[in-house]
Amino acid sequence: MIKIGKITTGKLAKKAGINVETVHYYERKKLILEPPRNSSGYRQYSPKELKRLKFIKSAQKLGFSLKEISELLSLKANSKSACHEVRIMTEEKITLINRK
C-alpha cells in the first residue's frame, strides 16, 4: 500500500518537468536523497523532494551549476550562516552573468 503524500519516480519526474533518469542522476549526485521503497520495491518520494527538484531546476535556469546548487542546498541544511553565504554566491553569479 502506498502512503498518502508519497510520489513514485515517474510522477515525481513528470511534476518536476524532468525525466526519470534525471531523478536517478540527482540521487547519485546526492542532490536529493534516495527515498525508501514500498513493499513492491518502488521508490516513494515525499513532496519535499518535489520542492527540492523544482529548486534545482530554477537554479539551473539562473545559471547555477550542479556543484553550486549542491553548495546552496548544503548551506540550507546548515542554516546558521546560510543567508549570508547564499547572498554572496548569488551576487557572484549575477556579476558573472552580467559580464557574459
C-alpha atoms as a PDB file:
ATOM      1  CA  MET A   1       0.000   0.000   0.000  1.00  0.00           C
ATOM      2  CA  ILE A   2       1.292   3.480  -0.914  1.00  0.00           C
ATOM      3  CA  LYS A   3       1.362   6.012   1.892  1.00  0.00           C
ATOM      4  CA  ILE A   4      -0.593   9.222   1.413  1.00  0.00           C
ATOM      5  CA  GLY A   5       1.633  12.008   0.135  1.00  0.00           C
ATOM      6  CA  LYS A   6       4.223   9.668  -1.361  1.00  0.00           C
ATOM      7  CA  ILE A   7       5.106  10.009  -5.039  1.00  0.00           C
ATOM      8  CA  THR A   8       6.548   7.416  -7.417  1.00  0.00           C
ATOM      9  CA  THR A   9       9.599   8.253  -9.519  1.00  0.00           C
ATOM     10  CA  GLY A  10       7.573   8.676 -12.705  1.00  0.00           C
ATOM     11  CA  LYS A  11       5.055  11.020 -11.121  1.00  0.00           C
ATOM     12  CA  LEU A  12       7.808  12.977  -9.394  1.00  0.00           C
ATOM     13  CA  ALA A  13       9.695  13.419 -12.661  1.00  0.00           C
ATOM     14  CA  LYS A  14       6.558  14.495 -14.506  1.00  0.00           C
ATOM     15  CA  LYS A  15       5.579  17.039 -11.840  1.00  0.00           C
ATOM     16  CA  ALA A  16       9.136  18.430 -11.795  1.00  0.00           C
ATOM     17  CA  GLY A  17       9.319  18.627 -15.595  1.00  0.00           C
ATOM     18  CA  ILE A  18      12.297  16.272 -15.888  1.00  0.00           C
ATOM     19  CA  ASN A  19      12.789  12.655 -16.877  1.00  0.00           C
ATOM     20  CA  VAL A  20      13.175   9.659 -14.582  1.00  0.00           C
ATOM     21  CA  GLU A  21      16.868   9.229 -15.369  1.00  0.00           C
ATOM     22  CA  THR A  22      17.489  12.805 -14.227  1.00  0.00           C
ATOM     23  CA  VAL A  23      15.860  11.985 -10.889  1.00  0.00           C
ATOM     24  CA  HIS A  24      18.175   8.986 -10.503  1.00  0.00           C
ATOM     25  CA  TYR A  25      21.165  11.086 -11.567  1.00  0.00           C
ATOM     26  CA  TYR A  26      20.373  13.678  -8.895  1.00  0.00           C
ATOM     27  CA  GLU A  27      20.170  10.864  -6.353  1.00  0.00           C
ATOM     28  CA  ARG A  28      23.621   9.614  -7.359  1.00  0.00           C
ATOM     29  CA  LYS A  29      24.974  13.171  -7.106  1.00  0.00           C
ATOM     30  CA  LYS A  30      23.364  13.480  -3.634  1.00  0.00           C
ATOM     31  CA  LEU A  31      21.249  16.477  -4.684  1.00  0.00           C
ATOM     32  CA  ILE A  32      18.187  14.587  -3.483  1.00  0.00           C
ATOM     33  CA  LEU A  33      18.015  11.735  -1.023  1.00  0.00           C
ATOM     34  CA  GLU A  34      17.344   8.215  -2.173  1.00  0.00           C
ATOM     35  CA  PRO A  35      13.867   7.552  -0.805  1.00  0.00           C
ATOM     36  CA  PRO A  36      12.539   4.500   0.969  1.00  0.00           C
ATOM     37  CA  ARG A  37      10.888   1.851  -1.160  1.00  0.00           C
ATOM     38  CA  ASN A  38       7.475   0.288  -0.781  1.00  0.00           C
ATOM     39  CA  SER A  39       6.937  -3.452  -0.461  1.00  0.00           C
ATOM     40  CA  SER A  40       6.987  -3.787  -4.256  1.00  0.00           C
ATOM     41  CA  GLY A  41      10.374  -2.085  -4.479  1.00  0.00           C
ATOM     42  CA  TYR A  42       9.143   1.232  -5.909  1.00  0.00           C
ATOM     43  CA  ARG A  43      10.798   4.400  -4.677  1.00  0.00           C
ATOM     44  CA  GLN A  44       8.422   6.578  -2.656  1.00  0.00           C
ATOM     45  CA  TYR A  45       9.338  10.277  -2.685  1.00  0.00           C
ATOM     46  CA  SER A  46       7.922  12.898  -0.385  1.00  0.00           C
ATOM     47  CA  PRO A  47       6.500  16.206  -1.614  1.00  0.00           C
ATOM     48  CA  LYS A  48       9.635  17.757  -0.063  1.00  0.00           C
ATOM     49  CA  GLU A  49      11.745  16.148  -2.810  1.00  0.00           C
ATOM     50  CA  LEU A  50       9.469  17.665  -5.459  1.00  0.00           C
ATOM     51  CA  LYS A  51      10.135  21.118  -3.983  1.00  0.00           C
ATOM     52  CA  ARG A  52      13.848  20.344  -3.958  1.00  0.00           C
ATOM     53  CA  LEU A  53      13.782  19.291  -7.628  1.00  0.00           C
ATOM     54  CA  LYS A  54      11.925  22.456  -8.582  1.00  0.00           C
ATOM     55  CA  PHE A  55      14.554  24.488  -6.715  1.00  0.00           C
ATOM     56  CA  ILE A  56      17.325  22.656  -8.603  1.00  0.00           C
ATOM     57  CA  LYS A  57      15.682  23.331 -11.971  1.00  0.00           C
ATOM     58  CA  SER A  58      15.089  27.003 -11.114  1.00  0.00           C
ATOM     59  CA  ALA A  59      18.689  27.442 -10.012  1.00  0.00           C
ATOM     60  CA  GLN A  60      19.916  25.810 -13.229  1.00  0.00           C
ATOM     61  CA  LYS A  61      17.794  28.222 -15.281  1.00  0.00           C
ATOM     62  CA  LEU A  62      19.503  31.073 -13.434  1.00  0.00           C
ATOM     63  CA  GLY A  63      22.901  29.716 -14.468  1.00  0.00           C
ATOM     64  CA  PHE A  64      23.995  27.823 -11.360  1.00  0.00           C
ATOM     65  CA  SER A  65      25.956  24.619 -11.959  1.00  0.00           C
ATOM     66  CA  LEU A  66      25.015  21.399 -10.167  1.00  0.00           C
ATOM     67  CA  LYS A  67      28.088  21.848  -7.962  1.00  0.00           C
ATOM     68  CA  GLU A  68      26.955  25.336  -6.984  1.00  0.00           C
ATOM     69  CA  ILE A  69      23.411  24.071  -6.396  1.00  0.00           C
ATOM     70  CA  SER A  70      24.781  21.348  -4.157  1.00  0.00           C
ATOM     71  CA  GLU A  71      26.609  24.022  -2.165  1.00  0.00           C
ATOM     72  CA  LEU A  72      23.434  26.105  -1.886  1.00  0.00           C
ATOM     73  CA  LEU A  73      21.480  23.084  -0.689  1.00  0.00           C
ATOM     74  CA  SER A  74      24.123  22.265   1.907  1.00  0.00           C
ATOM     75  CA  LEU A  75      24.010  25.859   3.148  1.00  0.00           C
ATOM     76  CA  LYS A  76      20.277  25.492   3.605  1.00  0.00           C
ATOM     77  CA  ALA A  77      20.859  22.399   5.723  1.00  0.00           C
ATOM     78  CA  ASN A  78      23.350  24.294   7.889  1.00  0.00           C
ATOM     79  CA  SER A  79      21.254  27.429   8.194  1.00  0.00           C
ATOM     80  CA  LYS A  80      23.296  29.350  10.799  1.00  0.00           C
ATOM     81  CA  SER A  81      25.211  31.326   8.182  1.00  0.00           C
ATOM     82  CA  ALA A  82      23.131  30.324   5.192  1.00  0.00           C
ATOM     83  CA  CYS A  83      21.574  33.677   4.277  1.00  0.00           C
ATOM     84  CA  HIS A  84      24.898  35.488   4.145  1.00  0.00           C
ATOM     85  CA  GLU A  85      26.595  32.710   2.165  1.00  0.00           C
ATOM     86  CA  VAL A  86      23.693  32.385  -0.287  1.00  0.00           C
ATOM     87  CA  ARG A  87      23.698  36.146  -0.830  1.00  0.00           C
ATOM     88  CA  ILE A  88      27.427  36.096  -1.622  1.00  0.00           C
ATOM     89  CA  MET A  89      27.078  33.171  -4.046  1.00  0.00           C
ATOM     90  CA  THR A  90      24.091  34.796  -5.744  1.00  0.00           C
ATOM     91  CA  GLU A  91      25.814  38.159  -6.116  1.00  0.00           C
ATOM     92  CA  GLU A  92      28.872  36.450  -7.612  1.00  0.00           C
ATOM     93  CA  LYS A  93      26.658  34.574 -10.084  1.00  0.00           C
ATOM     94  CA  ILE A  94      24.825  37.776 -11.074  1.00  0.00           C
ATOM     95  CA  THR A  95      28.148  39.521 -11.679  1.00  0.00           C
ATOM     96  CA  LEU A  96      29.334  36.613 -13.835  1.00  0.00           C
ATOM     97  CA  ILE A  97      26.088  36.566 -15.844  1.00  0.00           C
ATOM     98  CA  ASN A  98      26.226  40.337 -16.400  1.00  0.00           C
ATOM     99  CA  ARG A  99      29.795  40.037 -17.714  1.00  0.00           C
ATOM    100  CA  LYS A 100      28.644  37.491 -20.285  1.00  0.00           C
END
